């Protein structure tokens, strides 16, 4: 007997076995497409969009951003998640954060970046402070920095570091180290460029 296939499955035929399977995860679908050299735009309509997939979609958007593929990340975000389908406040905040980030870095659109970052900050999650707040504040700082508004950038870089220290002192050990590194890296680039080390 083949591993993983029961006799009842064998009697139904191969088509019936596949009908009972769920859609592949976003990560799996993107990995297959990448391996087969298929463009993201060719498979984006097949992405799952049920509530259970939002976490996975956000993780994939984050992974694409970490690889510097901001335009792909924005396309995935906009095609796979409809804002009115998000039920949790944290997801809404995360959605606007990633729209802000991809607008800023992927498109160089400071206006849309600020707009989305501010929507993220104004999304109420019921918690005092979380990593998305810190990333968003740091994102606003980067937007000002890239637009040569150094005084404004300084205010937001300073605030994002203070927020990060508040999270860390509160014992939030679940902080994603890659995200923490990004905050420190962006801030260090600002201080290095402006030679403002105070």
Protein backbone atom coordinates (compact mmCIF):
# COMPACT_ATOMS: atom_id res chain seq x y z
CA UNK A 1 0.00 0.00 0.00
CA UNK A 2 1.19 3.50 -0.79
CA UNK A 3 1.96 5.67 2.21
CA UNK A 4 -0.83 8.11 2.97
CA UNK A 5 -3.39 6.56 0.60
CA UNK A 6 -6.06 4.34 2.06
CA UNK A 7 -7.76 1.52 0.17
CA UNK A 8 -11.00 3.51 0.16
CA UNK A 9 -9.13 6.39 -1.50
CA UNK A 10 -7.70 4.03 -4.13
CA UNK A 11 -11.15 2.72 -5.03
CA UNK A 12 -12.49 6.23 -5.63
CA UNK A 13 -9.83 7.17 -8.15
CA UNK A 14 -7.25 9.93 -8.06
CA UNK A 15 -9.65 12.76 -8.89
CA UNK A 16 -11.72 12.11 -5.78
CA UNK A 17 -8.66 12.19 -3.52
CA UNK A 18 -7.74 15.65 -4.75
CA UNK A 19 -11.29 16.98 -4.43
CA UNK A 20 -11.16 16.45 -0.69
CA UNK A 21 -7.95 18.42 -0.27
CA UNK A 22 -7.95 22.08 0.75
CA UNK A 23 -6.36 24.86 -1.24
CA UNK A 24 -2.61 25.14 -0.80
CA UNK A 25 -1.40 27.77 1.63
CA UNK A 26 -0.28 31.15 0.28
CA UNK A 27 3.32 30.30 1.14
CA UNK A 28 3.12 26.98 -0.71
CA UNK A 29 1.40 28.55 -3.71
CA UNK A 30 4.03 31.27 -3.98
CA UNK A 31 6.88 28.79 -3.58
CA UNK A 32 5.47 26.60 -6.35
CA UNK A 33 4.98 29.62 -8.62
CA UNK A 34 8.51 30.82 -7.93
CA UNK A 35 9.94 27.39 -8.66
CA UNK A 36 7.99 27.18 -11.93
CA UNK A 37 8.97 30.75 -12.87
CA UNK A 38 5.34 31.88 -12.88
CA UNK A 39 4.74 35.59 -12.25
CA UNK A 40 2.81 36.50 -9.12
CA UNK A 41 0.19 38.34 -11.19
CA UNK A 42 -0.67 35.07 -12.96
CA UNK A 43 -1.61 33.29 -9.73
CA UNK A 44 -2.90 36.10 -7.52
CA UNK A 45 -6.53 35.41 -8.45
CA UNK A 46 -6.17 31.91 -6.98
CA UNK A 47 -5.04 33.10 -3.55
CA UNK A 48 -7.26 31.98 -0.67
CA UNK A 49 -9.12 34.84 0.98
CA UNK A 50 -10.98 33.32 3.91
CA UNK A 51 -10.45 34.64 7.45
CA UNK A 52 -8.06 31.84 8.36
CA UNK A 53 -5.66 32.89 5.63
CA UNK A 54 -5.15 36.50 6.80
CA UNK A 55 -2.38 35.61 9.23
CA UNK A 56 -0.63 33.66 6.54
CA UNK A 57 -1.10 36.46 4.01
CA UNK A 58 0.35 38.99 6.44
CA UNK A 59 3.27 36.65 7.05
CA UNK A 60 3.84 36.37 3.31
CA UNK A 61 3.62 40.16 2.88
CA UNK A 62 6.16 40.51 5.66
CA UNK A 63 8.44 37.93 4.02
CA UNK A 64 8.23 39.73 0.67
CA UNK A 65 9.07 43.05 2.36
CA UNK A 66 12.01 41.43 4.12
CA UNK A 67 13.29 40.31 0.71
CA UNK A 68 12.85 43.85 -0.68
CA UNK A 69 9.94 42.86 -2.91
CA UNK A 70 7.66 45.70 -1.85
CA UNK A 71 5.62 45.92 -5.04
CA UNK A 72 4.83 42.19 -4.91
CA UNK A 73 3.95 42.60 -1.25
CA UNK A 74 1.57 45.45 -2.00
CA UNK A 75 -0.08 43.51 -4.83
CA UNK A 76 -0.54 40.49 -2.57
CA UNK A 77 -1.97 42.67 0.19
CA UNK A 78 -4.44 44.51 -2.04
CA UNK A 79 -5.58 41.45 -4.01
CA UNK A 80 -5.79 38.99 -1.12
CA UNK A 81 -7.26 41.11 1.65
CA UNK A 82 -10.34 43.28 1.45
CA UNK A 83 -10.39 45.79 4.30
CA UNK A 84 -14.08 45.21 5.03
CA UNK A 85 -13.36 41.49 5.57
CA UNK A 86 -10.88 42.16 8.39
CA UNK A 87 -12.62 41.66 11.70
CA UNK A 88 -9.83 42.11 14.23
CA UNK A 89 -8.50 45.58 14.99
CA UNK A 90 -4.91 44.33 15.03
CA UNK A 91 -5.33 43.04 11.45
CA UNK A 92 -6.64 46.43 10.33
CA UNK A 93 -3.64 48.12 11.92
CA UNK A 94 -1.27 45.62 10.30
CA UNK A 95 -2.98 46.11 6.93
CA UNK A 96 -2.49 49.87 7.03
CA UNK A 97 1.10 49.51 8.27
CA UNK A 98 2.03 47.31 5.31
CA UNK A 99 0.19 49.59 2.87
CA UNK A 100 2.21 52.48 4.28
CA UNK A 101 5.49 50.58 4.08
CA UNK A 102 4.91 49.36 0.53
CA UNK A 103 3.75 52.81 -0.59
CA UNK A 104 6.89 54.36 0.87
CA UNK A 105 9.57 51.90 -0.17
CA UNK A 106 7.92 50.24 -3.16
CA UNK A 107 6.52 53.35 -4.80
CA UNK A 108 8.27 56.28 -3.13
CA UNK A 109 4.85 57.76 -2.46
CA UNK A 110 5.29 59.79 0.73
CA UNK A 111 1.72 61.06 0.80
CA UNK A 112 0.14 57.57 0.65
CA UNK A 113 2.73 56.28 3.12
CA UNK A 114 1.87 58.97 5.67
CA UNK A 115 -1.85 58.47 5.12
CA UNK A 116 -1.68 54.70 5.70
CA UNK A 117 0.78 54.94 8.60
CA UNK A 118 -1.55 57.40 10.31
CA UNK A 119 -4.55 55.13 9.74
CA UNK A 120 -2.52 52.34 11.36
CA UNK A 121 -1.74 54.49 14.39
CA UNK A 122 -5.37 55.51 14.77
CA UNK A 123 -6.65 51.94 14.62
CA UNK A 124 -7.63 51.01 18.14
CA UNK A 125 -6.55 47.55 19.24
CA UNK A 126 -7.38 47.79 22.91
CA UNK A 127 -3.75 47.24 23.84
CA UNK A 128 -1.48 49.96 25.08
CA UNK A 129 1.39 49.55 22.65
CA UNK A 130 2.47 46.83 20.24
CA UNK A 131 5.22 46.23 17.70
CA UNK A 132 3.07 47.50 14.82
CA UNK A 133 2.80 50.86 16.62
CA UNK A 134 6.59 51.03 16.87
CA UNK A 135 7.12 49.94 13.27
CA UNK A 136 4.55 52.48 12.09
CA UNK A 137 6.15 55.31 14.05
CA UNK A 138 9.53 54.31 12.65
CA UNK A 139 7.99 54.17 9.16
CA UNK A 140 6.76 57.75 9.53
CA UNK A 141 10.28 58.73 10.56
CA UNK A 142 11.73 57.04 7.48
CA UNK A 143 9.19 58.81 5.25
CA UNK A 144 10.21 62.19 6.65
CA UNK A 145 13.89 61.27 6.39
CA UNK A 146 13.61 60.20 2.75
CA UNK A 147 11.74 63.43 2.02
CA UNK A 148 14.56 65.49 3.65
CA UNK A 149 12.34 66.66 6.51
CA UNK A 150 15.02 65.92 9.08
CA UNK A 151 13.53 67.74 12.09
CA UNK A 152 10.28 65.81 11.75
CA UNK A 153 12.20 62.58 11.14
CA UNK A 154 14.18 63.14 14.34
CA UNK A 155 10.97 63.42 16.40
CA UNK A 156 9.61 60.14 15.07
CA UNK A 157 12.90 58.21 15.23
CA UNK A 158 13.28 59.29 18.86
CA UNK A 159 9.70 58.31 19.61
CA UNK A 160 10.03 54.89 17.93
CA UNK A 161 13.13 54.04 19.98
CA UNK A 162 11.37 55.15 23.18
CA UNK A 163 8.36 52.99 22.25
CA UNK A 164 10.61 50.01 21.54
CA UNK A 165 12.34 50.39 24.89
CA UNK A 166 8.92 50.60 26.57
CA UNK A 167 7.88 47.33 24.93
CA UNK A 168 11.12 45.63 25.86
CA UNK A 169 11.00 46.86 29.47
CA UNK A 170 7.42 45.63 29.76
CA UNK A 171 8.82 42.15 29.17
CA UNK A 172 7.44 41.63 25.69
CA UNK A 173 9.73 38.75 24.80
CA UNK A 174 7.67 37.88 21.76
CA UNK A 175 9.15 40.73 19.76
CA UNK A 176 10.27 39.63 16.32
CA UNK A 177 14.01 40.20 16.36
CA UNK A 178 14.06 41.02 12.63
CA UNK A 179 11.54 43.80 13.20
CA UNK A 180 13.54 45.14 16.15
CA UNK A 181 16.70 45.11 14.02
CA UNK A 182 14.86 47.08 11.29
CA UNK A 183 13.88 49.78 13.77
CA UNK A 184 17.43 50.14 15.08
CA UNK A 185 18.88 49.98 11.56
CA UNK A 186 16.59 52.70 10.18
CA UNK A 187 17.33 54.89 13.17
CA UNK A 188 21.08 54.32 12.91
CA UNK A 189 20.99 55.27 9.21
CA UNK A 190 19.28 58.53 10.13
CA UNK A 191 21.77 59.36 12.88
CA UNK A 192 24.71 58.43 10.67
CA UNK A 193 23.46 60.58 7.79
CA UNK A 194 22.71 63.59 9.98
CA UNK A 195 25.58 63.07 12.44
CA UNK A 196 23.05 63.83 15.15
CA UNK A 197 24.03 61.35 17.85
CA UNK A 198 22.33 62.97 20.84
